[in-house]
Amino acid sequence: MIVDFSIGPWSLGWFRERFRDICVHYVVLCPSEAVCAARAATRRDGAVADYTGFRELHTAFCALGELERCAIRNDTAKPAALVEHLQTALPAGAYRLD
């Protein structure tokens, strides 16, 4: 199962409790705020012209602490390159939560 959503570390307890019998991997795709704002502004559907309201959320994902190893902070990676990385990293347990 893949859950694709903005799931902050503050919500992981809920997931881990409900899926305790399943191996959970946590990957945070976190480009810079400037890149997030630019992408949000150019969305075909649901464009966000003013990113100000999302700054606090972005900042929260920049403070992952011990979960920093789960972050991919790359402003230039193409989706195919990220998929390729994850196809190797996930089976190797790079993002597995113990």
PDB file of N, CA and C in Angstrom:
ATOM      1  N   MET A   1       0.846  -1.165   0.000  1.00  0.00           N
ATOM      2  CA  MET A   1       0.000   0.000   0.000  1.00  0.00           C
ATOM      3  C   MET A   1       0.898   1.236   0.000  1.00  0.00           C
ATOM      4  N   ILE A   2       0.557   2.207  -0.805  1.00  0.00           N
ATOM      5  CA  ILE A   2       1.266   3.483  -0.820  1.00  0.00           C
ATOM      6  C   ILE A   2       0.269   4.566  -0.459  1.00  0.00           C
ATOM      7  N   VAL A   3       0.633   5.389   0.507  1.00  0.00           N
ATOM      8  CA  VAL A   3      -0.175   6.537   0.878  1.00  0.00           C
ATOM      9  C   VAL A   3       0.582   7.764   0.395  1.00  0.00           C
ATOM     10  N   ASP A   4       0.012   8.465  -0.552  1.00  0.00           N
ATOM     11  CA  ASP A   4       0.647   9.627  -1.159  1.00  0.00           C
ATOM     12  C   ASP A   4      -0.105  10.860  -0.700  1.00  0.00           C
ATOM     13  N   PHE A   5       0.464  11.519   0.281  1.00  0.00           N
ATOM     14  CA  PHE A   5      -0.197  12.680   0.882  1.00  0.00           C
ATOM     15  C   PHE A   5       0.834  13.404   1.722  1.00  0.00           C
ATOM     16  N   SER A   6       0.520  14.574   2.174  1.00  0.00           N
ATOM     17  CA  SER A   6       1.419  15.296   3.085  1.00  0.00           C
ATOM     18  C   SER A   6       1.212  14.752   4.495  1.00  0.00           C
ATOM     19  N   ILE A   7       2.041  13.794   4.863  1.00  0.00           N
ATOM     20  CA  ILE A   7       1.934  13.155   6.173  1.00  0.00           C
ATOM     21  C   ILE A   7       3.154  13.570   6.978  1.00  0.00           C
ATOM     22  N   GLY A   8       2.930  14.481   7.893  1.00  0.00           N
ATOM     23  CA  GLY A   8       4.026  14.958   8.725  1.00  0.00           C
ATOM     24  C   GLY A   8       4.412  13.945   9.778  1.00  0.00           C
ATOM     25  N   PRO A   9       5.596  14.089  10.329  1.00  0.00           N
ATOM     26  CA  PRO A   9       6.027  13.153  11.364  1.00  0.00           C
ATOM     27  C   PRO A   9       5.096  13.143  12.569  1.00  0.00           C
ATOM     28  N   TRP A  10       4.350  14.213  12.766  1.00  0.00           N
ATOM     29  CA  TRP A  10       3.402  14.295  13.871  1.00  0.00           C
ATOM     30  C   TRP A  10       2.236  13.334  13.677  1.00  0.00           C
ATOM     31  N   SER A  11       2.044  12.793  12.469  1.00  0.00           N
ATOM     32  CA  SER A  11       0.959  11.844  12.196  1.00  0.00           C
ATOM     33  C   SER A  11       1.423  10.398  12.135  1.00  0.00           C
ATOM     34  N   LEU A  12       2.704  10.162  12.244  1.00  0.00           N
ATOM     35  CA  LEU A  12       3.218   8.802  12.078  1.00  0.00           C
ATOM     36  C   LEU A  12       2.729   7.844  13.151  1.00  0.00           C
ATOM     37  N   GLY A  13       2.533   8.325  14.354  1.00  0.00           N
ATOM     38  CA  GLY A  13       2.032   7.455  15.420  1.00  0.00           C
ATOM     39  C   GLY A  13       0.715   6.807  15.040  1.00  0.00           C
ATOM     40  N   TRP A  14      -0.171   7.567  14.445  1.00  0.00           N
ATOM     41  CA  TRP A  14      -1.472   7.069  14.010  1.00  0.00           C
ATOM     42  C   TRP A  14      -1.289   5.949  12.989  1.00  0.00           C
ATOM     43  N   PHE A  15      -0.429   6.175  11.992  1.00  0.00           N
ATOM     44  CA  PHE A  15      -0.198   5.155  10.961  1.00  0.00           C
ATOM     45  C   PHE A  15       0.466   3.918  11.549  1.00  0.00           C
ATOM     46  N   ARG A  16       1.445   4.127  12.373  1.00  0.00           N
ATOM     47  CA  ARG A  16       2.175   2.984  12.922  1.00  0.00           C
ATOM     48  C   ARG A  16       1.281   2.134  13.802  1.00  0.00           C
ATOM     49  N   GLU A  17       0.364   2.760  14.515  1.00  0.00           N
ATOM     50  CA  GLU A  17      -0.542   2.000  15.373  1.00  0.00           C
ATOM     51  C   GLU A  17      -1.512   1.166  14.541  1.00  0.00           C
ATOM     52  N   ARG A  18      -2.058   1.749  13.513  1.00  0.00           N
ATOM     53  CA  ARG A  18      -3.040   1.047  12.693  1.00  0.00           C
ATOM     54  C   ARG A  18      -2.425   0.005  11.768  1.00  0.00           C
ATOM     55  N   PHE A  19      -1.173   0.210  11.420  1.00  0.00           N
ATOM     56  CA  PHE A  19      -0.511  -0.704  10.493  1.00  0.00           C
ATOM     57  C   PHE A  19       0.678  -1.387  11.156  1.00  0.00           C
ATOM     58  N   ARG A  20       0.527  -1.729  12.414  1.00  0.00           N
ATOM     59  CA  ARG A  20       1.648  -2.284  13.179  1.00  0.00           C
ATOM     60  C   ARG A  20       2.144  -3.618  12.637  1.00  0.00           C
ATOM     61  N   ASP A  21       1.311  -4.324  11.890  1.00  0.00           N
ATOM     62  CA  ASP A  21       1.727  -5.611  11.332  1.00  0.00           C
ATOM     63  C   ASP A  21       2.314  -5.475   9.924  1.00  0.00           C
ATOM     64  N   ILE A  22       2.445  -4.251   9.463  1.00  0.00           N
ATOM     65  CA  ILE A  22       2.966  -3.988   8.122  1.00  0.00           C
ATOM     66  C   ILE A  22       4.251  -3.179   8.246  1.00  0.00           C
ATOM     67  N   CYS A  23       5.218  -3.528   7.448  1.00  0.00           N
ATOM     68  CA  CYS A  23       6.458  -2.766   7.400  1.00  0.00           C
ATOM     69  C   CYS A  23       6.143  -1.374   6.830  1.00  0.00           C
ATOM     70  N   VAL A  24       6.506  -0.332   7.568  1.00  0.00           N
ATOM     71  CA  VAL A  24       6.210   1.038   7.143  1.00  0.00           C
ATOM     72  C   VAL A  24       7.501   1.733   6.734  1.00  0.00           C
ATOM     73  N   HIS A  25       7.466   2.308   5.549  1.00  0.00           N
ATOM     74  CA  HIS A  25       8.566   3.134   5.051  1.00  0.00           C
ATOM     75  C   HIS A  25       8.032   4.563   4.985  1.00  0.00           C
ATOM     76  N   TYR A  26       8.882   5.527   5.266  1.00  0.00           N
ATOM     77  CA  TYR A  26       8.471   6.931   5.279  1.00  0.00           C
ATOM     78  C   TYR A  26       9.436   7.727   4.414  1.00  0.00           C
ATOM     79  N   VAL A  27       8.909   8.305   3.353  1.00  0.00           N
ATOM     80  CA  VAL A  27       9.724   9.088   2.431  1.00  0.00           C
ATOM     81  C   VAL A  27       9.108  10.476   2.337  1.00  0.00           C
ATOM     82  N   VAL A  28       9.927  11.486   2.543  1.00  0.00           N
ATOM     83  CA  VAL A  28       9.470  12.870   2.430  1.00  0.00           C
ATOM     84  C   VAL A  28      10.158  13.493   1.219  1.00  0.00           C
ATOM     85  N   LEU A  29       9.379  13.776   0.188  1.00  0.00           N
ATOM     86  CA  LEU A  29       9.905  14.500  -0.960  1.00  0.00           C
ATOM     87  C   LEU A  29       9.751  15.978  -0.617  1.00  0.00           C
ATOM     88  N   CYS A  30      10.856  16.633  -0.412  1.00  0.00           N
ATOM     89  CA  CYS A  30      10.802  17.989   0.138  1.00  0.00           C
ATOM     90  C   CYS A  30      11.729  18.944  -0.614  1.00  0.00           C
ATOM     91  N   PRO A  31      11.286  19.425  -1.770  1.00  0.00           N
ATOM     92  CA  PRO A  31      12.078  20.449  -2.446  1.00  0.00           C
ATOM     93  C   PRO A  31      12.010  21.757  -1.660  1.00  0.00           C
ATOM     94  N   SER A  32      12.809  22.709  -2.055  1.00  0.00           N
ATOM     95  CA  SER A  32      12.840  23.997  -1.366  1.00  0.00           C
ATOM     96  C   SER A  32      11.472  24.682  -1.437  1.00  0.00           C
ATOM     97  N   GLU A  33      11.276  25.642  -0.546  1.00  0.00           N
ATOM     98  CA  GLU A  33      10.010  26.375  -0.538  1.00  0.00           C
ATOM     99  C   GLU A  33       9.789  27.096  -1.869  1.00  0.00           C
ATOM    100  N   ALA A  34      10.843  27.641  -2.437  1.00  0.00           N
ATOM    101  CA  ALA A  34      10.715  28.350  -3.719  1.00  0.00           C
ATOM    102  C   ALA A  34      10.218  27.415  -4.817  1.00  0.00           C
ATOM    103  N   VAL A  35      10.746  26.209  -4.855  1.00  0.00           N
ATOM    104  CA  VAL A  35      10.311  25.237  -5.863  1.00  0.00           C
ATOM    105  C   VAL A  35       8.867  24.811  -5.598  1.00  0.00           C
ATOM    106  N   CYS A  36       8.515  24.572  -4.345  1.00  0.00           N
ATOM    107  CA  CYS A  36       7.132  24.199  -4.010  1.00  0.00           C
ATOM    108  C   CYS A  36       6.165  25.302  -4.433  1.00  0.00           C
ATOM    109  N   ALA A  37       6.525  26.544  -4.140  1.00  0.00           N
ATOM    110  CA  ALA A  37       5.664  27.680  -4.491  1.00  0.00           C
ATOM    111  C   ALA A  37       5.506  27.789  -6.005  1.00  0.00           C
ATOM    112  N   ALA A  38       6.606  27.624  -6.741  1.00  0.00           N
ATOM    113  CA  ALA A  38       6.544  27.713  -8.202  1.00  0.00           C
ATOM    114  C   ALA A  38       5.682  26.595  -8.777  1.00  0.00           C
ATOM    115  N   ARG A  39       5.831  25.397  -8.262  1.00  0.00           N
ATOM    116  CA  ARG A  39       5.028  24.273  -8.749  1.00  0.00           C
ATOM    117  C   ARG A  39       3.550  24.481  -8.424  1.00  0.00           C
ATOM    118  N   ALA A  40       3.276  24.964  -7.226  1.00  0.00           N
ATOM    119  CA  ALA A  40       1.885  25.204  -6.824  1.00  0.00           C
ATOM    120  C   ALA A  40       1.233  26.267  -7.701  1.00  0.00           C
ATOM    121  N   ALA A  41       1.992  27.269  -8.070  1.00  0.00           N
ATOM    122  CA  ALA A  41       1.460  28.364  -8.887  1.00  0.00           C
ATOM    123  C   ALA A  41       1.167  27.935 -10.318  1.00  0.00           C
ATOM    124  N   THR A  42       1.844  26.885 -10.780  1.00  0.00           N
ATOM    125  CA  THR A  42       1.675  26.479 -12.170  1.00  0.00           C
ATOM    126  C   THR A  42       0.862  25.190 -12.334  1.00  0.00           C
ATOM    127  N   ARG A  43       0.208  24.749 -11.284  1.00  0.00           N
ATOM    128  CA  ARG A  43      -0.658  23.568 -11.397  1.00  0.00           C
ATOM    129  C   ARG A  43      -1.786  23.820 -12.380  1.00  0.00           C
ATOM    130  N   ARG A  44      -2.126  22.806 -13.121  1.00  0.00           N
ATOM    131  CA  ARG A  44      -3.249  22.917 -14.052  1.00  0.00           C
ATOM    132  C   ARG A  44      -4.548  23.101 -13.277  1.00  0.00           C
ATOM    133  N   ASP A  45      -4.756  22.276 -12.261  1.00  0.00           N
ATOM    134  CA  ASP A  45      -5.951  22.365 -11.421  1.00  0.00           C
ATOM    135  C   ASP A  45      -5.538  22.755 -10.014  1.00  0.00           C
ATOM    136  N   GLY A  46      -6.223  23.669  -9.413  1.00  0.00           N
ATOM    137  CA  GLY A  46      -5.955  24.058  -8.035  1.00  0.00           C
ATOM    138  C   GLY A  46      -4.688  24.866  -7.852  1.00  0.00           C
ATOM    139  N   ALA A  47      -4.372  25.713  -8.808  1.00  0.00           N
ATOM    140  CA  ALA A  47      -3.167  26.537  -8.692  1.00  0.00           C
ATOM    141  C   ALA A  47      -3.230  27.407  -7.438  1.00  0.00           C
ATOM    142  N   VAL A  48      -2.085  27.601  -6.836  1.00  0.00           N
ATOM    143  CA  VAL A  48      -1.970  28.407  -5.615  1.00  0.00           C
ATOM    144  C   VAL A  48      -1.112  29.628  -5.947  1.00  0.00           C
ATOM    145  N   ALA A  49      -1.756  30.760  -6.101  1.00  0.00           N
ATOM    146  CA  ALA A  49      -1.031  31.980  -6.471  1.00  0.00           C
ATOM    147  C   ALA A  49      -0.227  32.542  -5.304  1.00  0.00           C
ATOM    148  N   ASP A  50      -0.768  32.411  -4.106  1.00  0.00           N
ATOM    149  CA  ASP A  50      -0.088  32.941  -2.909  1.00  0.00           C
ATOM    150  C   ASP A  50       0.269  31.777  -1.992  1.00  0.00           C
ATOM    151  N   TYR A  51       1.531  31.444  -1.925  1.00  0.00           N
ATOM    152  CA  TYR A  51       2.005  30.278  -1.163  1.00  0.00           C
ATOM    153  C   TYR A  51       2.163  30.576   0.329  1.00  0.00           C
ATOM    154  N   THR A  52       1.936  31.801   0.734  1.00  0.00           N
ATOM    155  CA  THR A  52       2.156  32.222   2.125  1.00  0.00           C
ATOM    156  C   THR A  52       1.493  31.285   3.136  1.00  0.00           C
ATOM    157  N   GLY A  53       0.297  30.855   2.859  1.00  0.00           N
ATOM    158  CA  GLY A  53      -0.432  29.984   3.786  1.00  0.00           C
ATOM    159  C   GLY A  53       0.178  28.606   3.962  1.00  0.00           C
ATOM    160  N   PHE A  54       1.124  28.237   3.100  1.00  0.00           N
ATOM    161  CA  PHE A  54       1.744  26.917   3.172  1.00  0.00           C
ATOM    162  C   PHE A  54       3.152  26.961   3.766  1.00  0.00           C
ATOM    163  N   ARG A  55       3.641  28.137   4.069  1.00  0.00           N
ATOM    164  CA  ARG A  55       5.007  28.264   4.588  1.00  0.00           C
ATOM    165  C   ARG A  55       5.207  27.504   5.890  1.00  0.00           C
ATOM    166  N   GLU A  56       4.239  27.570   6.774  1.00  0.00           N
ATOM    167  CA  GLU A  56       4.360  26.876   8.064  1.00  0.00           C
ATOM    168  C   GLU A  56       4.447  25.363   7.861  1.00  0.00           C
ATOM    169  N   LEU A  57       3.661  24.837   6.949  1.00  0.00           N
ATOM    170  CA  LEU A  57       3.708  23.402   6.654  1.00  0.00           C
ATOM    171  C   LEU A  57       5.066  23.027   6.073  1.00  0.00           C
ATOM    172  N   HIS A  58       5.551  23.815   5.138  1.00  0.00           N
ATOM    173  CA  HIS A  58       6.861  23.536   4.549  1.00  0.00           C
ATOM    174  C   HIS A  58       7.940  23.579   5.622  1.00  0.00           C
ATOM    175  N   THR A  59       7.894  24.560   6.482  1.00  0.00           N
ATOM    176  CA  THR A  59       8.870  24.678   7.569  1.00  0.00           C
ATOM    177  C   THR A  59       8.830  23.451   8.474  1.00  0.00           C
ATOM    178  N   ALA A  60       7.643  22.933   8.741  1.00  0.00           N
ATOM    179  CA  ALA A  60       7.513  21.745   9.588  1.00  0.00           C
ATOM    180  C   ALA A  60       8.199  20.538   8.955  1.00  0.00           C
ATOM    181  N   PHE A  61       8.137  20.432   7.641  1.00  0.00           N
ATOM    182  CA  PHE A  61       8.797  19.314   6.964  1.00  0.00           C
ATOM    183  C   PHE A  61      10.307  19.530   6.854  1.00  0.00           C
ATOM    184  N   CYS A  62      10.751  20.721   7.157  1.00  0.00           N
ATOM    185  CA  CYS A  62      12.195  20.994   7.160  1.00  0.00           C
ATOM    186  C   CYS A  62      12.813  20.676   8.518  1.00  0.00           C
ATOM    187  N   ALA A  63      12.002  20.345   9.491  1.00  0.00           N
ATOM    188  CA  ALA A  63      12.473  20.065  10.846  1.00  0.00           C
ATOM    189  C   ALA A  63      12.124  18.626  11.212  1.00  0.00           C
ATOM    190  N   LEU A  64      12.693  17.677  10.503  1.00  0.00           N
ATOM    191  CA  LEU A  64      12.349  16.270  10.704  1.00  0.00           C
ATOM    192  C   LEU A  64      13.140  15.595  11.813  1.00  0.00           C
ATOM    193  N   GLY A  65      14.186  16.243  12.291  1.00  0.00           N
ATOM    194  CA  GLY A  65      14.976  15.659  13.373  1.00  0.00           C
ATOM    195  C   GLY A  65      15.519  14.293  12.998  1.00  0.00           C
ATOM    196  N   GLU A  66      15.240  13.294  13.827  1.00  0.00           N
ATOM    197  CA  GLU A  66      15.763  11.939  13.593  1.00  0.00           C
ATOM    198  C   GLU A  66      15.221  11.321  12.302  1.00  0.00           C
ATOM    199  N   LEU A  67      14.168  11.884  11.749  1.00  0.00           N
ATOM    200  CA  LEU A  67      13.605  11.362  10.510  1.00  0.00           C
ATOM    201  C   LEU A  67      14.192  12.042   9.270  1.00  0.00           C
ATOM    202  N   GLU A  68      15.203  12.867   9.451  1.00  0.00           N
ATOM    203  CA  GLU A  68      15.836  13.534   8.316  1.00  0.00           C
ATOM    204  C   GLU A  68      16.343  12.523   7.292  1.00  0.00           C
ATOM    205  N   ARG A  69      16.709  11.343   7.746  1.00  0.00           N
ATOM    206  CA  ARG A  69      17.180  10.307   6.828  1.00  0.00           C
ATOM    207  C   ARG A  69      16.088   9.891   5.840  1.00  0.00           C
ATOM    208  N   CYS A  70      14.851  10.261   6.135  1.00  0.00           N
ATOM    209  CA  CYS A  70      13.722   9.923   5.271  1.00  0.00           C
ATOM    210  C   CYS A  70      13.426  11.012   4.238  1.00  0.00           C
ATOM    211  N   ALA A  71      14.169  12.095   4.295  1.00  0.00           N
ATOM    212  CA  ALA A  71      13.907  13.225   3.401  1.00  0.00           C
ATOM    213  C   ALA A  71      14.738  13.141   2.127  1.00  0.00           C
ATOM    214  N   ILE A  72      14.108  13.488   1.043  1.00  0.00           N
ATOM    215  CA  ILE A  72      14.796  13.682  -0.224  1.00  0.00           C
ATOM    216  C   ILE A  72      14.633  15.162  -0.546  1.00  0.00           C
ATOM    217  N   ARG A  73      15.708  15.890  -0.400  1.00  0.00           N
ATOM    218  CA  ARG A  73      15.695  17.339  -0.634  1.00  0.00           C
ATOM    219  C   ARG A  73      16.474  17.607  -1.918  1.00  0.00           C
ATOM    220  N   ASN A  74      15.722  17.710  -2.981  1.00  0.00           N
ATOM    221  CA  ASN A  74      16.353  17.860  -4.289  1.00  0.00           C
ATOM    222  C   ASN A  74      15.430  18.702  -5.163  1.00  0.00           C
ATOM    223  N   ASP A  75      15.924  19.840  -5.599  1.00  0.00           N
ATOM    224  CA  ASP A  75      15.114  20.743  -6.410  1.00  0.00           C
ATOM    225  C   ASP A  75      15.127  20.409  -7.893  1.00  0.00           C
ATOM    226  N   THR A  76      16.028  19.550  -8.323  1.00  0.00           N
ATOM    227  CA  THR A  76      16.185  19.346  -9.753  1.00  0.00           C
ATOM    228  C   THR A  76      15.907  17.920 -10.236  1.00  0.00           C
ATOM    229  N   ALA A  77      15.707  16.993  -9.313  1.00  0.00           N
ATOM    230  CA  ALA A  77      15.496  15.595  -9.720  1.00  0.00           C
ATOM    231  C   ALA A  77      14.215  15.447 -10.537  1.00  0.00           C
ATOM    232  N   LYS A  78      14.317  14.722 -11.595  1.00  0.00           N
ATOM    233  CA  LYS A  78      13.155  14.408 -12.430  1.00  0.00           C
ATOM    234  C   LYS A  78      12.385  13.259 -11.777  1.00  0.00           C
ATOM    235  N   PRO A  79      11.064  13.199 -11.973  1.00  0.00           N
ATOM    236  CA  PRO A  79      10.273  12.119 -11.377  1.00  0.00           C
ATOM    237  C   PRO A  79      10.832  10.733 -11.666  1.00  0.00           C
ATOM    238  N   ALA A  80      11.288  10.484 -12.876  1.00  0.00           N
ATOM    239  CA  ALA A  80      11.819   9.152 -13.223  1.00  0.00           C
ATOM    240  C   ALA A  80      13.047   8.817 -12.386  1.00  0.00           C
ATOM    241  N   ALA A  81      13.881   9.809 -12.105  1.00  0.00           N
ATOM    242  CA  ALA A  81      15.075   9.572 -11.284  1.00  0.00           C
ATOM    243  C   ALA A  81      14.679   9.267  -9.847  1.00  0.00           C
ATOM    244  N   LEU A  82      13.663   9.927  -9.338  1.00  0.00           N
ATOM    245  CA  LEU A  82      13.188   9.644  -7.979  1.00  0.00           C
ATOM    246  C   LEU A  82      12.601   8.233  -7.899  1.00  0.00           C
ATOM    247  N   VAL A  83      11.843   7.849  -8.904  1.00  0.00           N
ATOM    248  CA  VAL A  83      11.283   6.492  -8.937  1.00  0.00           C
ATOM    249  C   VAL A  83      12.407   5.468  -8.951  1.00  0.00           C
ATOM    250  N   GLU A  84      13.391   5.689  -9.777  1.00  0.00           N
ATOM    251  CA  GLU A  84      14.523   4.762  -9.858  1.00  0.00           C
ATOM    252  C   GLU A  84      15.235   4.647  -8.514  1.00  0.00           C
ATOM    253  N   HIS A  85      15.458   5.779  -7.867  1.00  0.00           N
ATOM    254  CA  HIS A  85      16.091   5.765  -6.547  1.00  0.00           C
ATOM    255  C   HIS A  85      15.257   4.961  -5.550  1.00  0.00           C
ATOM    256  N   LEU A  86      13.956   5.213  -5.524  1.00  0.00           N
ATOM    257  CA  LEU A  86      13.090   4.537  -4.561  1.00  0.00           C
ATOM    258  C   LEU A  86      12.964   3.047  -4.851  1.00  0.00           C
ATOM    259  N   GLN A  87      13.038   2.658  -6.113  1.00  0.00           N
ATOM    260  CA  GLN A  87      12.968   1.234  -6.452  1.00  0.00           C
ATOM    261  C   GLN A  87      14.149   0.465  -5.871  1.00  0.00           C
ATOM    262  N   THR A  88      15.248   1.140  -5.648  1.00  0.00           N
ATOM    263  CA  THR A  88      16.417   0.520  -5.025  1.00  0.00           C
ATOM    264  C   THR A  88      16.403   0.712  -3.513  1.00  0.00           C
ATOM    265  N   ALA A  89      16.104   1.928  -3.082  1.00  0.00           N
ATOM    266  CA  ALA A  89      16.204   2.281  -1.662  1.00  0.00           C
ATOM    267  C   ALA A  89      15.150   1.608  -0.782  1.00  0.00           C
ATOM    268  N   LEU A  90      13.935   1.491  -1.277  1.00  0.00           N
ATOM    269  CA  LEU A  90      12.882   0.892  -0.448  1.00  0.00           C
ATOM    270  C   LEU A  90      13.151  -0.577  -0.133  1.00  0.00           C
ATOM    271  N   PRO A  91      13.448  -1.416  -1.111  1.00  0.00           N
ATOM    272  CA  PRO A  91      13.750  -2.815  -0.777  1.00  0.00           C
ATOM    273  C   PRO A  91      14.988  -2.958   0.137  1.00  0.00           C
ATOM    274  N   ALA A  92      15.895  -2.005   0.048  1.00  0.00           N
ATOM    275  CA  ALA A  92      17.095  -2.040   0.891  1.00  0.00           C
ATOM    276  C   ALA A  92      16.809  -1.555   2.307  1.00  0.00           C
ATOM    277  N   GLY A  93      15.600  -1.027   2.547  1.00  0.00           N
ATOM    278  CA  GLY A  93      15.228  -0.588   3.882  1.00  0.00           C
ATOM    279  C   GLY A  93      15.708   0.803   4.253  1.00  0.00           C
ATOM    280  N   ALA A  94      16.100   1.593   3.270  1.00  0.00           N
ATOM    281  CA  ALA A  94      16.659   2.923   3.558  1.00  0.00           C
ATOM    282  C   ALA A  94      15.673   3.851   4.259  1.00  0.00           C
ATOM    283  N   TYR A  95      14.388   3.658   4.034  1.00  0.00           N
ATOM    284  CA  TYR A  95      13.381   4.551   4.598  1.00  0.00           C
ATOM    285  C   TYR A  95      12.429   3.815   5.560  1.00  0.00           C
ATOM    286  N   ARG A  96      12.840   2.646   5.950  1.00  0.00           N
ATOM    287  CA  ARG A  96      11.984   1.840   6.836  1.00  0.00           C
ATOM    288  C   ARG A  96      11.972   2.421   8.241  1.00  0.00           C
ATOM    289  N   LEU A  97      10.785   2.439   8.826  1.00  0.00           N
ATOM    290  CA  LEU A  97      10.651   2.861  10.220  1.00  0.00           C
ATOM    291  C   LEU A  97      10.671   1.611  11.085  1.00  0.00           C
ATOM    292  N   ASP A  98      11.492   1.641  12.087  1.00  0.00           N
ATOM    293  CA  ASP A  98      11.576   0.479  12.986  1.00  0.00           C
ATOM    294  C   ASP A  98      10.584   0.594  14.110  1.00  0.00           C
TER     295      ASP A  98
END
